[in-house]
Amino acid sequence: MDLFSCLLCLLVAWASIYIVVSARRRKSGAGKLPPGPVPFPIIGNLLNLGNKPHESLANLAKIHGPVMTLELGCVTTVVITSATMAKEVLQKKDQSFCNRTIPDALRAHNHNQLSVVWLPASTKWRTLRKMGVGV
């Protein structure tokens, strides 16, 4: 095979993977997420952030609004750039956003079971938090 044929095969494979991933994302309920820039396969929107992410996020907010979805690698992230929207999310919708994604490295060593940072909001979390504040 010559170089052109190899590049053409890679382009077709990349386009096919992109179409399949996009179709799955639409079917999986990702339509409920806020709008955002179109992500690239595998790397997502990491190229959109550039060297100065705060400026890039401000520019993206002008285009997509104060609440947007970014794909940072394989992690879907909702970015809030407005103070009023942040207040609403943190005060009125706090139960929906209170849990964090636990990294696999912490889960492998069971650090997620006794750490106030990684526990979901529950009675165990409240007890550990009270113990930490009382010290």
Protein backbone atom coordinates (compact mmCIF):
# COMPACT_ATOMS: atom_id res chain seq x y z
CA MET A 1 0.00 0.00 0.00
CA ASP A 2 1.20 3.44 -0.74
CA LEU A 3 1.01 6.35 1.68
CA PHE A 4 -2.17 7.79 0.18
CA SER A 5 -4.06 4.51 0.65
CA CYS A 6 -2.95 4.24 4.27
CA LEU A 7 -4.02 7.80 5.02
CA LEU A 8 -7.35 7.24 3.29
CA CYS A 9 -7.97 4.10 5.37
CA LEU A 10 -7.12 5.97 8.57
CA LEU A 11 -9.45 8.82 7.64
CA VAL A 12 -12.33 6.45 6.90
CA ALA A 13 -11.72 4.55 10.16
CA TRP A 14 -11.58 7.79 12.17
CA ALA A 15 -14.80 9.09 10.56
CA SER A 16 -16.57 5.78 11.21
CA ILE A 17 -15.59 5.73 14.87
CA TYR A 18 -16.67 9.35 15.27
CA ILE A 19 -20.09 8.66 13.74
CA VAL A 20 -20.66 5.58 15.92
CA VAL A 21 -19.63 7.38 19.12
CA SER A 22 -21.83 10.39 18.27
CA ALA A 23 -24.82 8.16 17.58
CA ARG A 24 -24.39 6.29 20.87
CA ARG A 25 -24.04 9.53 22.79
CA ARG A 26 -27.31 10.86 21.37
CA LYS A 27 -29.16 7.63 22.23
CA SER A 28 -27.77 7.39 25.77
CA GLY A 29 -29.63 10.46 27.02
CA ALA A 30 -26.80 12.94 26.59
CA GLY A 31 -29.38 15.22 24.96
CA LYS A 32 -30.34 16.35 28.47
CA LEU A 33 -26.97 18.05 28.87
CA PRO A 34 -26.47 21.75 28.11
CA PRO A 35 -25.05 22.75 24.72
CA GLY A 36 -21.33 22.97 24.10
CA PRO A 37 -18.69 22.76 21.40
CA VAL A 38 -18.49 19.60 19.31
CA PRO A 39 -15.84 17.31 20.84
CA PHE A 40 -13.14 15.45 18.94
CA PRO A 41 -12.94 11.69 19.41
CA ILE A 42 -10.77 10.54 22.34
CA ILE A 43 -9.43 14.00 23.33
CA GLY A 44 -12.81 15.73 23.49
CA ASN A 45 -12.64 19.51 23.88
CA LEU A 46 -9.12 19.69 25.33
CA LEU A 47 -7.91 21.59 22.26
CA ASN A 48 -10.61 24.22 22.84
CA LEU A 49 -9.07 25.15 26.20
CA GLY A 50 -5.66 26.16 24.84
CA ASN A 51 -2.88 27.72 26.93
CA LYS A 52 -5.19 30.08 28.85
CA PRO A 53 -8.24 28.04 29.84
CA HIS A 54 -9.95 30.89 31.72
CA GLU A 55 -9.99 33.05 28.58
CA SER A 56 -11.04 30.12 26.41
CA LEU A 57 -13.92 29.30 28.76
CA ALA A 58 -15.03 32.95 28.74
CA ASN A 59 -15.04 32.94 24.93
CA LEU A 60 -16.92 29.63 24.82
CA ALA A 61 -19.48 31.06 27.27
CA LYS A 62 -20.18 33.91 24.85
CA ILE A 63 -21.01 31.33 22.17
CA HIS A 64 -22.74 28.56 24.15
CA GLY A 65 -24.16 30.41 27.15
CA PRO A 66 -23.38 30.44 30.89
CA VAL A 67 -23.86 26.67 31.26
CA MET A 68 -22.14 24.36 28.77
CA THR A 69 -20.93 20.81 28.39
CA LEU A 70 -17.31 19.98 27.65
CA GLU A 71 -15.71 16.61 27.04
CA LEU A 72 -12.35 16.65 28.82
CA GLY A 73 -10.85 13.49 27.41
CA CYS A 74 -13.40 10.81 28.22
CA VAL A 75 -15.00 12.76 31.09
CA THR A 76 -18.18 14.71 30.41
CA THR A 77 -18.04 17.98 32.36
CA VAL A 78 -20.69 20.65 32.88
CA VAL A 79 -19.07 24.10 33.14
CA ILE A 80 -20.88 27.01 34.81
CA THR A 81 -19.51 30.47 34.03
CA SER A 82 -22.19 32.69 35.54
CA ALA A 83 -22.48 33.68 39.22
CA THR A 84 -26.28 33.48 39.17
CA MET A 85 -26.26 30.02 37.60
CA ALA A 86 -23.58 28.85 40.05
CA LYS A 87 -25.73 30.06 42.95
CA GLU A 88 -28.74 28.19 41.61
CA VAL A 89 -26.78 24.98 41.09
CA LEU A 90 -24.99 25.09 44.45
CA GLN A 91 -27.97 26.16 46.56
CA LYS A 92 -31.14 24.94 44.85
CA LYS A 93 -29.92 21.84 42.99
CA ASP A 94 -27.23 20.78 45.46
CA GLN A 95 -28.43 17.17 45.88
CA SER A 96 -28.12 16.57 42.14
CA PHE A 97 -24.51 17.78 42.04
CA CYS A 98 -23.17 16.85 45.49
CA ASN A 99 -21.42 13.59 44.56
CA ARG A 100 -18.02 13.45 42.90
CA THR A 101 -16.64 10.97 40.44
CA ILE A 102 -14.23 8.76 42.35
CA PRO A 103 -10.94 8.04 40.58
CA ASP A 104 -10.10 4.36 40.12
CA ALA A 105 -6.82 4.75 42.03
CA LEU A 106 -8.70 5.77 45.18
CA ARG A 107 -11.32 3.09 44.72
CA ALA A 108 -8.63 0.39 44.36
CA HIS A 109 -7.26 1.18 47.83
CA ASN A 110 -10.72 1.75 49.40
CA HIS A 111 -9.91 5.39 50.21
CA ASN A 112 -13.37 6.32 48.97
CA GLN A 113 -15.12 4.56 51.89
CA LEU A 114 -13.76 6.60 54.81
CA SER A 115 -12.93 9.96 53.28
CA VAL A 116 -15.27 12.90 53.72
CA VAL A 117 -14.16 14.23 50.35
CA TRP A 118 -15.30 11.19 48.34
CA LEU A 119 -18.34 9.92 50.26
CA PRO A 120 -21.80 10.72 48.91
CA ALA A 121 -24.03 12.87 51.11
CA SER A 122 -25.40 10.39 53.66
CA THR A 123 -25.52 9.74 57.41
CA LYS A 124 -21.99 8.29 57.30
CA TRP A 125 -20.75 11.46 55.56
CA ARG A 126 -22.47 13.68 58.16
CA THR A 127 -20.96 11.70 61.04
CA LEU A 128 -17.43 11.87 59.64
CA ARG A 129 -17.86 15.56 58.87
CA LYS A 130 -19.01 16.32 62.42
CA MET A 131 -16.02 14.42 63.80
CA GLY A 132 -13.66 16.42 61.59
CA VAL A 133 -15.18 19.78 62.47
CA GLY A 134 -15.19 18.96 66.20
CA VAL A 135 -11.45 18.26 66.27
